Amino acid sequence: MSEPAEKSLFDAPPIAEQERMIEAILFAATEPMTVAALAARLPHGCDAAEALAYLRRRYEGRGVRLVRVGDGWAFRTAPDLGHLMQKETVEQRKLSRAAIETLAIIAYHQPATRAEIEEIRGVAVSRGTIDQLLEMEWIRFGRRRMTPGRPVTFVVTEGFLDHFGLESARDLPGLKDLRAAGLLDNRPLPGSMQKPDDDEDDPSGQTELFED
């Protein structure tokens, strides 16, 4: 016979109290937190996902919203009130055109190797450009491609998504919008790297091309 499941000595707090706990944790957090990380801090028996859903609804229409950033959750200023924060924002470092184009290519074609970035841009990518984006923590190293030389790949980080208010890379504007904004040249992409503006599906058979 299977042993009965171990029961907690104490009942879980009411859902309203769980909601308050998550609110306090996220308010003090310096970066987005996953449901699992929140659950690890709550008393035994709490339902972090349910409490998070209640909290998110509570902040709808408020000046601060609870938003998803990648796999995590965080409080952020409502988009329509962002202009009120402009005077408080200090631009520490302006990206060069090369860095902007490189960042955009990585975001749309991740995981992307240096060679693929250079193929799309049509020019070599300097080490300084990659180092700048890594230092800003907007990109990070991905898995190595299982091709000759095993080149490293680059992907965007949750910090990048958070900075631009995106839940995932799939929420990026279309390539036509980037070209219209002057962030990408109008030259066509090489056929091997072509990706439709509205294509949100992962490339089939890609997993076996990489190693951990």
N, C-alpha and C. Protein backbone atom coordinates (compact mmCIF):
# COMPACT_ATOMS: atom_id res chain seq x y z
N MET A 1 0.84 -1.20 0.00
CA MET A 1 0.00 0.00 0.00
C MET A 1 0.88 1.25 0.00
N SER A 2 0.44 2.25 -0.78
CA SER A 2 1.22 3.49 -0.82
C SER A 2 0.99 4.27 0.45
N GLU A 3 2.04 4.94 0.91
CA GLU A 3 1.96 5.74 2.12
C GLU A 3 1.16 7.01 1.86
N PRO A 4 0.36 7.44 2.81
CA PRO A 4 -0.41 8.68 2.63
C PRO A 4 0.50 9.87 2.47
N ALA A 5 0.07 10.85 1.66
CA ALA A 5 0.87 12.04 1.43
C ALA A 5 1.05 12.81 2.73
N GLU A 6 2.25 13.33 2.88
CA GLU A 6 2.55 14.08 4.10
C GLU A 6 1.74 15.37 4.12
N LYS A 7 1.12 15.65 5.22
CA LYS A 7 0.31 16.86 5.35
C LYS A 7 1.06 17.90 6.17
N SER A 8 0.81 19.16 5.83
CA SER A 8 1.43 20.24 6.57
C SER A 8 0.78 20.37 7.94
N LEU A 9 1.56 20.79 8.93
CA LEU A 9 1.03 21.01 10.26
C LEU A 9 0.16 22.25 10.31
N PHE A 10 0.32 23.10 9.31
CA PHE A 10 -0.43 24.36 9.30
C PHE A 10 -1.15 24.50 7.96
N ASP A 11 -2.34 25.08 8.01
CA ASP A 11 -3.08 25.34 6.79
C ASP A 11 -2.43 26.48 6.03
N ALA A 12 -2.55 26.45 4.71
CA ALA A 12 -2.02 27.53 3.89
C ALA A 12 -2.78 28.82 4.20
N PRO A 13 -2.13 29.97 4.14
CA PRO A 13 -2.81 31.25 4.38
C PRO A 13 -3.91 31.46 3.35
N PRO A 14 -4.90 32.28 3.65
CA PRO A 14 -5.95 32.60 2.68
C PRO A 14 -5.33 33.15 1.40
N ILE A 15 -6.02 32.98 0.29
CA ILE A 15 -5.47 33.41 -1.00
C ILE A 15 -5.16 34.90 -1.00
N ALA A 16 -5.98 35.69 -0.28
CA ALA A 16 -5.73 37.13 -0.22
C ALA A 16 -4.39 37.41 0.46
N GLU A 17 -4.06 36.62 1.47
CA GLU A 17 -2.78 36.81 2.16
C GLU A 17 -1.63 36.35 1.28
N GLN A 18 -1.84 35.28 0.52
CA GLN A 18 -0.81 34.81 -0.41
C GLN A 18 -0.54 35.90 -1.46
N GLU A 19 -1.62 36.54 -1.88
CA GLU A 19 -1.51 37.62 -2.86
C GLU A 19 -0.65 38.76 -2.31
N ARG A 20 -0.89 39.10 -1.05
CA ARG A 20 -0.11 40.17 -0.40
C ARG A 20 1.36 39.78 -0.30
N MET A 21 1.62 38.51 -0.01
CA MET A 21 3.01 38.05 0.11
C MET A 21 3.75 38.19 -1.22
N ILE A 22 3.09 37.76 -2.30
CA ILE A 22 3.72 37.86 -3.61
C ILE A 22 3.93 39.31 -4.00
N GLU A 23 2.96 40.16 -3.66
CA GLU A 23 3.09 41.58 -3.94
C GLU A 23 4.32 42.15 -3.26
N ALA A 24 4.54 41.78 -2.00
CA ALA A 24 5.69 42.27 -1.25
C ALA A 24 7.01 41.76 -1.84
N ILE A 25 7.02 40.48 -2.23
CA ILE A 25 8.24 39.89 -2.79
C ILE A 25 8.61 40.57 -4.10
N LEU A 26 7.63 40.73 -4.99
CA LEU A 26 7.91 41.33 -6.30
C LEU A 26 8.25 42.80 -6.18
N PHE A 27 7.66 43.47 -5.23
CA PHE A 27 7.95 44.90 -5.03
C PHE A 27 9.41 45.11 -4.65
N ALA A 28 9.95 44.18 -3.86
CA ALA A 28 11.33 44.32 -3.40
C ALA A 28 12.34 43.67 -4.33
N ALA A 29 11.87 42.87 -5.29
CA ALA A 29 12.78 42.14 -6.18
C ALA A 29 13.50 43.10 -7.13
N THR A 30 14.76 42.81 -7.41
CA THR A 30 15.54 43.63 -8.33
C THR A 30 15.44 43.14 -9.76
N GLU A 31 14.86 41.97 -9.98
CA GLU A 31 14.70 41.43 -11.32
C GLU A 31 13.46 40.55 -11.34
N PRO A 32 12.92 40.26 -12.53
CA PRO A 32 11.72 39.43 -12.62
C PRO A 32 11.91 38.08 -11.93
N MET A 33 10.83 37.57 -11.33
CA MET A 33 10.89 36.30 -10.62
C MET A 33 9.91 35.30 -11.23
N THR A 34 10.35 34.06 -11.32
CA THR A 34 9.50 33.00 -11.88
C THR A 34 8.49 32.54 -10.83
N VAL A 35 7.48 31.81 -11.29
CA VAL A 35 6.48 31.27 -10.37
C VAL A 35 7.15 30.31 -9.38
N ALA A 36 8.10 29.53 -9.87
CA ALA A 36 8.80 28.57 -8.99
C ALA A 36 9.58 29.30 -7.90
N ALA A 37 10.23 30.41 -8.27
CA ALA A 37 11.00 31.17 -7.29
C ALA A 37 10.08 31.80 -6.24
N LEU A 38 8.91 32.25 -6.68
CA LEU A 38 7.94 32.82 -5.75
C LEU A 38 7.41 31.74 -4.81
N ALA A 39 7.09 30.58 -5.39
CA ALA A 39 6.54 29.48 -4.59
C ALA A 39 7.52 29.04 -3.52
N ALA A 40 8.82 29.09 -3.82
CA ALA A 40 9.84 28.67 -2.87
C ALA A 40 9.88 29.57 -1.64
N ARG A 41 9.40 30.80 -1.77
CA ARG A 41 9.42 31.75 -0.66
C ARG A 41 8.12 31.75 0.15
N LEU A 42 7.08 31.19 -0.43
CA LEU A 42 5.79 31.19 0.25
C LEU A 42 5.68 30.03 1.23
N PRO A 43 4.79 30.15 2.23
CA PRO A 43 4.57 29.05 3.18
C PRO A 43 4.08 27.79 2.46
N HIS A 44 4.28 26.66 3.08
CA HIS A 44 3.87 25.38 2.50
C HIS A 44 2.36 25.39 2.22
N GLY A 45 2.00 24.88 1.06
CA GLY A 45 0.59 24.77 0.71
C GLY A 45 0.06 25.93 -0.11
N CYS A 46 0.85 26.98 -0.29
CA CYS A 46 0.39 28.14 -1.07
C CYS A 46 0.38 27.82 -2.56
N ASP A 47 -0.47 28.51 -3.28
CA ASP A 47 -0.56 28.36 -4.74
C ASP A 47 -0.08 29.66 -5.36
N ALA A 48 1.21 29.71 -5.70
CA ALA A 48 1.81 30.94 -6.21
C ALA A 48 1.16 31.38 -7.53
N ALA A 49 0.88 30.42 -8.41
CA ALA A 49 0.30 30.76 -9.71
C ALA A 49 -1.08 31.40 -9.57
N GLU A 50 -1.90 30.83 -8.68
CA GLU A 50 -3.24 31.38 -8.48
C GLU A 50 -3.18 32.77 -7.85
N ALA A 51 -2.34 32.91 -6.83
CA ALA A 51 -2.20 34.21 -6.17
C ALA A 51 -1.67 35.25 -7.14
N LEU A 52 -0.77 34.84 -8.02
CA LEU A 52 -0.20 35.75 -9.01
C LEU A 52 -1.28 36.21 -9.99
N ALA A 53 -2.17 35.30 -10.37
CA ALA A 53 -3.26 35.65 -11.28
C ALA A 53 -4.20 36.68 -10.65
N TYR A 54 -4.51 36.49 -9.36
CA TYR A 54 -5.35 37.45 -8.64
C TYR A 54 -4.67 38.81 -8.58
N LEU A 55 -3.37 38.80 -8.29
CA LEU A 55 -2.63 40.05 -8.16
C LEU A 55 -2.56 40.79 -9.49
N ARG A 56 -2.38 40.05 -10.55
CA ARG A 56 -2.30 40.68 -11.87
C ARG A 56 -3.60 41.38 -12.22
N ARG A 57 -4.73 40.72 -11.92
CA ARG A 57 -6.02 41.35 -12.20
C ARG A 57 -6.23 42.59 -11.33
N ARG A 58 -5.73 42.55 -10.11
CA ARG A 58 -5.91 43.68 -9.20
C ARG A 58 -5.21 44.94 -9.73
N TYR A 59 -4.10 44.75 -10.44
CA TYR A 59 -3.34 45.89 -10.93
C TYR A 59 -3.73 46.33 -12.34
N GLU A 60 -4.73 45.70 -12.94
CA GLU A 60 -5.18 46.12 -14.26
C GLU A 60 -5.75 47.54 -14.19
N GLY A 61 -5.31 48.38 -15.11
CA GLY A 61 -5.80 49.75 -15.15
C GLY A 61 -5.13 50.69 -14.17
N ARG A 62 -4.17 50.19 -13.39
CA ARG A 62 -3.47 51.03 -12.43
C ARG A 62 -2.23 51.65 -13.07
N GLY A 63 -1.58 52.54 -12.34
CA GLY A 63 -0.36 53.18 -12.85
C GLY A 63 0.80 52.22 -12.93
N VAL A 64 0.74 51.16 -12.13
CA VAL A 64 1.75 50.11 -12.16
C VAL A 64 1.05 48.81 -12.53
N ARG A 65 1.68 48.04 -13.40
CA ARG A 65 1.09 46.78 -13.82
C ARG A 65 2.02 45.62 -13.50
N LEU A 66 1.42 44.45 -13.33
CA LEU A 66 2.19 43.22 -13.13
C LEU A 66 2.31 42.56 -14.50
N VAL A 67 3.52 42.47 -15.02
CA VAL A 67 3.72 41.98 -16.38
C VAL A 67 4.66 40.79 -16.39
N ARG A 68 4.55 40.01 -17.44
CA ARG A 68 5.44 38.86 -17.62
C ARG A 68 6.65 39.28 -18.43
N VAL A 69 7.82 38.90 -17.97
CA VAL A 69 9.07 39.18 -18.66
C VAL A 69 9.79 37.86 -18.84
N GLY A 70 9.74 37.31 -20.06
CA GLY A 70 10.32 35.98 -20.26
C GLY A 70 9.56 34.96 -19.42
N ASP A 71 10.27 34.28 -18.54
CA ASP A 71 9.64 33.30 -17.65
C ASP A 71 9.29 33.91 -16.29
N GLY A 72 9.63 35.17 -16.09
CA GLY A 72 9.42 35.80 -14.79
C GLY A 72 8.30 36.84 -14.79
N TRP A 73 8.07 37.39 -13.60
CA TRP A 73 7.03 38.41 -13.40
C TRP A 73 7.62 39.60 -12.64
N ALA A 74 7.14 40.80 -12.98
CA ALA A 74 7.67 41.99 -12.33
C ALA A 74 6.65 43.13 -12.43
N PHE A 75 6.80 44.10 -11.54
CA PHE A 75 5.97 45.31 -11.60
C PHE A 75 6.64 46.30 -12.54
N ARG A 76 5.84 46.89 -13.43
CA ARG A 76 6.36 47.88 -14.37
C ARG A 76 5.34 49.01 -14.53
N THR A 77 5.84 50.20 -14.87
CA THR A 77 4.98 51.35 -15.11
C THR A 77 4.06 51.07 -16.29
N ALA A 78 2.82 51.48 -16.20
CA ALA A 78 1.87 51.30 -17.31
C ALA A 78 2.43 51.99 -18.55
N PRO A 79 2.34 51.34 -19.71
CA PRO A 79 2.93 51.90 -20.94
C PRO A 79 2.47 53.32 -21.26
N ASP A 80 1.19 53.62 -21.03
CA ASP A 80 0.70 54.94 -21.38
C ASP A 80 1.19 56.04 -20.46
N LEU A 81 1.85 55.66 -19.36
CA LEU A 81 2.38 56.65 -18.42
C LEU A 81 3.91 56.74 -18.50
N GLY A 82 4.48 56.04 -19.45
CA GLY A 82 5.94 56.03 -19.56
C GLY A 82 6.54 57.40 -19.78
N HIS A 83 5.80 58.30 -20.45
CA HIS A 83 6.33 59.64 -20.73
C HIS A 83 6.60 60.42 -19.45
N LEU A 84 5.91 60.05 -18.35
CA LEU A 84 6.12 60.75 -17.08
C LEU A 84 7.47 60.42 -16.47
N MET A 85 8.07 59.32 -16.92
CA MET A 85 9.34 58.88 -16.36
C MET A 85 10.54 59.37 -17.16
N GLN A 86 10.30 60.06 -18.27
CA GLN A 86 11.40 60.42 -19.16
C GLN A 86 12.45 61.28 -18.48
N LYS A 87 12.04 62.18 -17.63
CA LYS A 87 13.00 63.04 -16.97
C LYS A 87 13.86 62.29 -15.97
N GLU A 88 13.38 61.11 -15.56
CA GLU A 88 14.13 60.31 -14.59
C GLU A 88 15.07 59.33 -15.26
N THR A 89 14.99 59.23 -16.59
CA THR A 89 15.81 58.27 -17.32
C THR A 89 17.09 58.91 -17.78
N VAL A 90 18.21 58.28 -17.48
CA VAL A 90 19.53 58.77 -17.91
C VAL A 90 20.11 57.77 -18.89
N GLU A 91 20.40 58.22 -20.08
CA GLU A 91 20.98 57.34 -21.08
C GLU A 91 22.47 57.22 -20.83
N GLN A 92 22.89 56.06 -20.39
CA GLN A 92 24.28 55.86 -20.01
C GLN A 92 25.18 55.67 -21.23
N ARG A 93 24.69 55.01 -22.25
CA ARG A 93 25.53 54.67 -23.38
C ARG A 93 24.68 54.53 -24.63
N LYS A 94 25.02 55.29 -25.66
CA LYS A 94 24.24 55.24 -26.89
C LYS A 94 24.80 54.16 -27.80
N LEU A 95 23.90 53.35 -28.33
CA LEU A 95 24.32 52.28 -29.22
C LEU A 95 24.67 52.83 -30.60
N SER A 96 25.73 52.29 -31.19
CA SER A 96 26.09 52.64 -32.55
C SER A 96 25.12 51.97 -33.51
N ARG A 97 25.14 52.41 -34.76
CA ARG A 97 24.28 51.79 -35.76
C ARG A 97 24.64 50.32 -35.92
N ALA A 98 25.93 50.02 -35.87
CA ALA A 98 26.37 48.62 -36.00
C ALA A 98 25.81 47.78 -34.86
N ALA A 99 25.81 48.34 -33.63
CA ALA A 99 25.29 47.60 -32.48
C ALA A 99 23.79 47.40 -32.59
N ILE A 100 23.07 48.43 -33.07
CA ILE A 100 21.62 48.33 -33.22
C ILE A 100 21.27 47.26 -34.24
N GLU A 101 21.97 47.27 -35.37
CA GLU A 101 21.69 46.27 -36.40
C GLU A 101 22.03 44.87 -35.91
N THR A 102 23.16 44.74 -35.21
CA THR A 102 23.56 43.43 -34.69
C THR A 102 22.54 42.93 -33.67
N LEU A 103 22.09 43.80 -32.79
CA LEU A 103 21.10 43.43 -31.79
C LEU A 103 19.79 43.00 -32.44
N ALA A 104 19.36 43.74 -33.45
CA ALA A 104 18.11 43.41 -34.14
C ALA A 104 18.21 42.06 -34.84
N ILE A 105 19.35 41.80 -35.47
CA ILE A 105 19.54 40.53 -36.17
C ILE A 105 19.51 39.37 -35.19
N ILE A 106 20.18 39.52 -34.05
CA ILE A 106 20.18 38.46 -33.04
C ILE A 106 18.77 38.22 -32.53
N ALA A 107 18.02 39.30 -32.28
CA ALA A 107 16.67 39.17 -31.74
C ALA A 107 15.75 38.42 -32.71
N TYR A 108 15.89 38.69 -34.00
CA TYR A 108 14.99 38.08 -34.98
C TYR A 108 15.45 36.72 -35.48
N HIS A 109 16.73 36.42 -35.36
CA HIS A 109 17.24 35.17 -35.91
C HIS A 109 17.88 34.28 -34.85
N GLN A 110 17.66 34.59 -33.58
CA GLN A 110 18.32 33.81 -32.54
C GLN A 110 17.89 32.34 -32.58
N PRO A 111 18.83 31.44 -32.27
CA PRO A 111 20.24 31.73 -31.99
C PRO A 111 21.02 32.00 -33.27
N ALA A 112 21.85 33.03 -33.27
CA ALA A 112 22.59 33.42 -34.47
C ALA A 112 24.08 33.42 -34.20
N THR A 113 24.86 32.95 -35.15
CA THR A 113 26.31 32.96 -35.03
C THR A 113 26.85 34.28 -35.58
N ARG A 114 28.12 34.55 -35.28
CA ARG A 114 28.75 35.76 -35.81
C ARG A 114 28.74 35.75 -37.35
N ALA A 115 29.01 34.57 -37.93
CA ALA A 115 29.03 34.47 -39.39
C ALA A 115 27.66 34.79 -40.00
N GLU A 116 26.59 34.35 -39.32
CA GLU A 116 25.25 34.62 -39.83
C GLU A 116 24.92 36.11 -39.71
N ILE A 117 25.37 36.73 -38.63
CA ILE A 117 25.16 38.17 -38.46
C ILE A 117 25.87 38.94 -39.56
N GLU A 118 27.11 38.54 -39.84
CA GLU A 118 27.89 39.21 -40.88
C GLU A 118 27.29 38.97 -42.25
N GLU A 119 26.71 37.79 -42.47
CA GLU A 119 26.08 37.49 -43.76
C GLU A 119 24.89 38.40 -44.00
N ILE A 120 24.11 38.65 -42.96
CA ILE A 120 22.93 39.51 -43.11
C ILE A 120 23.33 40.98 -43.26
N ARG A 121 24.29 41.43 -42.44
CA ARG A 121 24.70 42.84 -42.50
C ARG A 121 25.55 43.13 -43.72
N GLY A 122 26.26 42.11 -44.21
CA GLY A 122 27.12 42.33 -45.36
C GLY A 122 28.47 42.88 -45.02
N VAL A 123 28.75 43.06 -43.73
CA VAL A 123 30.05 43.55 -43.27
C VAL A 123 30.46 42.77 -42.04
N ALA A 124 31.74 42.84 -41.70
CA ALA A 124 32.25 42.14 -40.53
C ALA A 124 31.71 42.77 -39.25
N VAL A 125 31.51 41.94 -38.24
CA VAL A 125 31.06 42.42 -36.93
C VAL A 125 32.28 42.53 -36.02
N SER A 126 32.54 43.73 -35.53
CA SER A 126 33.70 43.92 -34.69
C SER A 126 33.48 43.30 -33.32
N ARG A 127 34.57 42.92 -32.69
CA ARG A 127 34.48 42.33 -31.35
C ARG A 127 33.92 43.34 -30.36
N GLY A 128 34.23 44.62 -30.59
CA GLY A 128 33.74 45.66 -29.68
C GLY A 128 32.23 45.76 -29.67
N THR A 129 31.60 45.53 -30.84
CA THR A 129 30.15 45.59 -30.92
C THR A 129 29.51 44.48 -30.09
N ILE A 130 30.03 43.26 -30.26
CA ILE A 130 29.51 42.13 -29.48
C ILE A 130 29.77 42.33 -28.00
N ASP A 131 30.97 42.79 -27.66
CA ASP A 131 31.34 43.01 -26.25
C ASP A 131 30.43 44.05 -25.60
N GLN A 132 30.07 45.09 -26.35
CA GLN A 132 29.19 46.13 -25.81
C GLN A 132 27.83 45.56 -25.46
N LEU A 133 27.27 44.76 -26.37
CA LEU A 133 25.95 44.17 -26.12
C LEU A 133 26.00 43.15 -24.98
N LEU A 134 27.11 42.41 -24.88
CA LEU A 134 27.27 41.48 -23.77
C LEU A 134 27.39 42.23 -22.45
N GLU A 135 28.15 43.33 -22.46
CA GLU A 135 28.34 44.12 -21.25
C GLU A 135 27.02 44.74 -20.77
N MET A 136 26.18 45.13 -21.72
CA MET A 136 24.88 45.70 -21.38
C MET A 136 23.90 44.62 -20.94
N GLU A 137 24.30 43.36 -21.11
CA GLU A 137 23.47 42.20 -20.76
C GLU A 137 22.18 42.17 -21.57
N TRP A 138 22.28 42.60 -22.83
CA TRP A 138 21.15 42.52 -23.73
C TRP A 138 21.23 41.27 -24.59
N ILE A 139 22.44 40.69 -24.71
CA ILE A 139 22.60 39.41 -25.38
C ILE A 139 23.46 38.52 -24.50
N ARG A 140 23.41 37.23 -24.76
CA ARG A 140 24.26 36.28 -24.05
C ARG A 140 24.63 35.16 -25.01
N PHE A 141 25.60 34.34 -24.58
CA PHE A 141 26.00 33.22 -25.42
C PHE A 141 24.93 32.13 -25.37
N GLY A 142 24.62 31.58 -26.52
CA GLY A 142 23.69 30.46 -26.61
C GLY A 142 24.48 29.17 -26.73
N ARG A 143 23.80 28.12 -27.16
CA ARG A 143 24.47 26.83 -27.35
C ARG A 143 25.33 26.85 -28.60
N ARG A 144 26.37 26.03 -28.61
CA ARG A 144 27.23 25.93 -29.78
C ARG A 144 26.51 25.20 -30.91
N ARG A 145 26.69 25.68 -32.11
CA ARG A 145 26.10 25.05 -33.28
C ARG A 145 26.89 23.79 -33.61
N MET A 146 26.21 22.69 -33.85
CA MET A 146 26.88 21.43 -34.17
C MET A 146 27.22 21.40 -35.65
N THR A 147 28.05 22.32 -36.06
CA THR A 147 28.56 22.41 -37.42
C THR A 147 30.07 22.54 -37.34
N PRO A 148 30.78 22.41 -38.43
CA PRO A 148 32.24 22.51 -38.38
C PRO A 148 32.71 23.75 -37.62
N GLY A 149 33.61 23.55 -36.68
CA GLY A 149 34.11 24.64 -35.86
C GLY A 149 33.29 24.90 -34.62
N ARG A 150 32.08 24.30 -34.57
CA ARG A 150 31.18 24.49 -33.42
C ARG A 150 31.11 25.96 -32.97
N PRO A 151 30.67 26.84 -33.86
CA PRO A 151 30.61 28.26 -33.51
C PRO A 151 29.59 28.54 -32.41
N VAL A 152 29.91 29.52 -31.58
CA VAL A 152 28.97 29.91 -30.54
C VAL A 152 27.84 30.71 -31.16
N THR A 153 26.70 30.70 -30.52
CA THR A 153 25.56 31.48 -30.98
C THR A 153 25.24 32.55 -29.94
N PHE A 154 24.44 33.51 -30.35
CA PHE A 154 24.02 34.59 -29.47
C PHE A 154 22.50 34.66 -29.43
N VAL A 155 21.95 34.95 -28.25
CA VAL A 155 20.51 35.12 -28.07
C VAL A 155 20.29 36.34 -27.19
N VAL A 156 19.09 36.92 -27.26
CA VAL A 156 18.78 38.06 -26.41
C VAL A 156 18.44 37.59 -25.00
N THR A 157 18.59 38.46 -24.03
CA THR A 157 18.37 38.12 -22.63
C THR A 157 17.01 38.64 -22.15
N GLU A 158 16.64 38.23 -20.95
CA GLU A 158 15.42 38.76 -20.35
C GLU A 158 15.59 40.25 -20.04
N GLY A 159 16.83 40.68 -19.81
CA GLY A 159 17.08 42.10 -19.59
C GLY A 159 16.72 42.92 -20.82
N PHE A 160 17.00 42.38 -22.00
CA PHE A 160 16.62 43.04 -23.25
C PHE A 160 15.10 43.12 -23.36
N LEU A 161 14.43 41.99 -23.08
CA LEU A 161 12.97 41.97 -23.16
C LEU A 161 12.36 42.95 -22.17
N ASP A 162 12.92 42.98 -20.96
CA ASP A 162 12.40 43.85 -19.92
C ASP A 162 12.57 45.31 -20.31
N HIS A 163 13.73 45.66 -20.87
CA HIS A 163 14.00 47.05 -21.24
C HIS A 163 13.00 47.56 -22.27
N PHE A 164 12.62 46.68 -23.21
CA PHE A 164 11.72 47.09 -24.28
C PHE A 164 10.27 46.70 -24.01
N GLY A 165 9.98 46.22 -22.78
CA GLY A 165 8.61 45.90 -22.42
C GLY A 165 8.02 44.75 -23.19
N LEU A 166 8.84 43.73 -23.48
CA LEU A 166 8.38 42.58 -24.26
C LEU A 166 8.24 41.35 -23.38
N GLU A 167 7.21 40.55 -23.64
CA GLU A 167 7.05 39.30 -22.90
C GLU A 167 7.99 38.24 -23.46
N SER A 168 8.17 38.25 -24.77
CA SER A 168 9.08 37.32 -25.43
C SER A 168 9.56 37.95 -26.73
N ALA A 169 10.55 37.33 -27.36
CA ALA A 169 11.07 37.85 -28.62
C ALA A 169 10.01 37.84 -29.71
N ARG A 170 8.97 37.02 -29.53
CA ARG A 170 7.90 36.97 -30.53
C ARG A 170 7.07 38.25 -30.55
N ASP A 171 7.21 39.09 -29.53
CA ASP A 171 6.46 40.33 -29.48
C ASP A 171 7.18 41.48 -30.17
N LEU A 172 8.34 41.20 -30.78
CA LEU A 172 9.08 42.23 -31.50
C LEU A 172 8.28 42.73 -32.70
N PRO A 173 8.47 43.99 -33.09
CA PRO A 173 7.78 44.49 -34.28
C PRO A 173 8.31 43.78 -35.52
N GLY A 174 7.57 43.88 -36.62
CA GLY A 174 7.97 43.23 -37.86
C GLY A 174 9.23 43.84 -38.44
N LEU A 175 9.93 43.07 -39.29
CA LEU A 175 11.15 43.57 -39.90
C LEU A 175 10.89 44.80 -40.76
N LYS A 176 9.70 44.86 -41.37
CA LYS A 176 9.36 46.04 -42.17
C LYS A 176 9.32 47.29 -41.30
N ASP A 177 8.83 47.13 -40.07
CA ASP A 177 8.76 48.27 -39.15
C ASP A 177 10.16 48.73 -38.79
N LEU A 178 11.08 47.77 -38.58
CA LEU A 178 12.46 48.13 -38.25
C LEU A 178 13.12 48.85 -39.42
N ARG A 179 12.87 48.37 -40.62
CA ARG A 179 13.46 49.03 -41.78
C ARG A 179 12.89 50.43 -41.94
N ALA A 180 11.59 50.58 -41.71
CA ALA A 180 10.95 51.89 -41.82
C ALA A 180 11.51 52.86 -40.80
N ALA A 181 11.91 52.32 -39.64
CA ALA A 181 12.48 53.16 -38.59
C ALA A 181 13.96 53.40 -38.80
N GLY A 182 14.53 52.80 -39.85
CA GLY A 182 15.94 53.01 -40.13
C GLY A 182 16.87 52.14 -39.34
N LEU A 183 16.34 51.11 -38.66
CA LEU A 183 17.18 50.25 -37.84
C LEU A 183 17.80 49.12 -38.64
N LEU A 184 17.27 48.83 -39.82
CA LEU A 184 17.84 47.82 -40.70
C LEU A 184 17.85 48.35 -42.12
N ASP A 185 18.86 47.97 -42.88
CA ASP A 185 18.93 48.37 -44.28
C ASP A 185 17.82 47.68 -45.07
N ASN A 186 17.50 48.21 -46.22
CA ASN A 186 16.43 47.66 -47.04
C ASN A 186 16.88 46.53 -47.95
N ARG A 187 18.18 46.18 -47.91
CA ARG A 187 18.63 45.09 -48.77
C ARG A 187 17.99 43.78 -48.32
N PRO A 188 17.66 42.89 -49.24
CA PRO A 188 17.00 41.62 -48.88
C PRO A 188 17.93 40.73 -48.08
N LEU A 189 17.33 39.92 -47.22
CA LEU A 189 18.11 38.98 -46.43
C LEU A 189 18.52 37.80 -47.30
N PRO A 190 19.70 37.21 -47.03
CA PRO A 190 20.09 36.01 -47.76
C PRO A 190 19.04 34.93 -47.60
N GLY A 191 18.84 34.10 -48.62
CA GLY A 191 17.79 33.08 -48.59
C GLY A 191 17.92 32.15 -47.42
N SER A 192 19.15 31.84 -47.01
CA SER A 192 19.34 30.89 -45.92
C SER A 192 18.92 31.45 -44.59
N MET A 193 18.80 32.79 -44.50
CA MET A 193 18.44 33.42 -43.24
C MET A 193 17.08 34.08 -43.31
N GLN A 194 16.37 33.94 -44.43
CA GLN A 194 15.08 34.61 -44.59
C GLN A 194 14.08 34.14 -43.55
N LYS A 195 13.38 35.10 -42.93
CA LYS A 195 12.35 34.78 -41.95
C LYS A 195 11.19 35.73 -42.13
N PRO A 196 9.99 35.27 -42.44
CA PRO A 196 8.85 36.15 -42.66
C PRO A 196 8.57 36.99 -41.42
N ASP A 197 8.00 38.19 -41.66
CA ASP A 197 7.71 39.10 -40.56
C ASP A 197 6.82 38.48 -39.50
N ASP A 198 5.83 37.70 -39.94
CA ASP A 198 4.85 37.18 -38.99
C ASP A 198 5.10 35.73 -38.63
N ASP A 199 6.27 35.19 -38.95
CA ASP A 199 6.58 33.79 -38.66
C ASP A 199 6.98 33.66 -37.21
N GLU A 200 6.16 32.96 -36.44
CA GLU A 200 6.43 32.80 -35.02
C GLU A 200 6.78 31.37 -34.67
N ASP A 201 6.89 30.51 -35.65
CA ASP A 201 7.17 29.11 -35.37
C ASP A 201 8.66 28.88 -35.29
N ASP A 202 9.08 28.01 -34.40
CA ASP A 202 10.48 27.66 -34.29
C ASP A 202 10.87 26.82 -35.49
N PRO A 203 12.11 27.01 -36.00
CA PRO A 203 12.54 26.21 -37.14
C PRO A 203 12.50 24.74 -36.80
N SER A 204 11.96 23.93 -37.70
CA SER A 204 11.86 22.51 -37.43
C SER A 204 13.23 21.87 -37.52
N GLY A 205 13.45 20.87 -36.66
CA GLY A 205 14.70 20.13 -36.71
C GLY A 205 15.89 20.91 -36.22
N GLN A 206 15.69 22.00 -35.49
CA GLN A 206 16.81 22.84 -35.08
C GLN A 206 17.54 22.27 -33.88
N THR A 207 16.85 21.52 -33.05
CA THR A 207 17.44 21.06 -31.79
C THR A 207 18.72 20.28 -32.00
N GLU A 208 18.73 19.42 -33.03
CA GLU A 208 19.89 18.58 -33.20
C GLU A 208 21.10 19.34 -33.74
N LEU A 209 20.92 20.63 -34.07
CA LEU A 209 22.03 21.41 -34.59
C LEU A 209 22.88 22.00 -33.49
N PHE A 210 22.47 21.82 -32.24
CA PHE A 210 23.17 22.46 -31.15
C PHE A 210 23.60 21.44 -30.12
N GLU A 211 24.57 21.85 -29.30
CA GLU A 211 24.98 21.06 -28.15
C GLU A 211 24.83 21.91 -26.91
N ASP A 212 24.65 21.28 -25.76
CA ASP A 212 24.49 22.02 -24.52
C ASP A 212 25.82 22.62 -24.08
